[in-house]
């Protein structure tokens, strides 16, 4: 189970305390990471950042996941609220759920507009995670 530590997911949202100083073009950022297992989405326009460190996620995102625009932002936000809530509950219960899988708490405020790109990557990470580790984070099956 020690190898599962490599599934670190670091999701940090800098909420109104410190805007991201670096201008990052989201599409350029994804194109530059073709051979990396780290996906970082950052934008100074929305001032939030998501970093996913997961072997194979980037290839899965480009090869298997539904393309951007397939889901509406409202759909992604609704699913992410449920999935984040279940994820955080599992982080708080390391005796019941594998602490090597659920390492970090995700700060996701349902009243904040994080934008389409961040919600898209977060939702697809949850789908990838559920399929890869045979977990179920919500009342619905992960769909591709």
Foldseek 3Di string as FASTA:
>chain_A
DVVLLQFDWDFDFPPPPDADPDADDQVVQLVVCPPAQKHKGHHSVQRGITIGRHPPLSVCCVPPDDDQPPDDQVVLLVVLVQLLVLLQVCCVCCVVHPCSNNPDRHDDDSVGPNDRVVSSSSLSVSLVSCVVVVDDRHPDHRDD
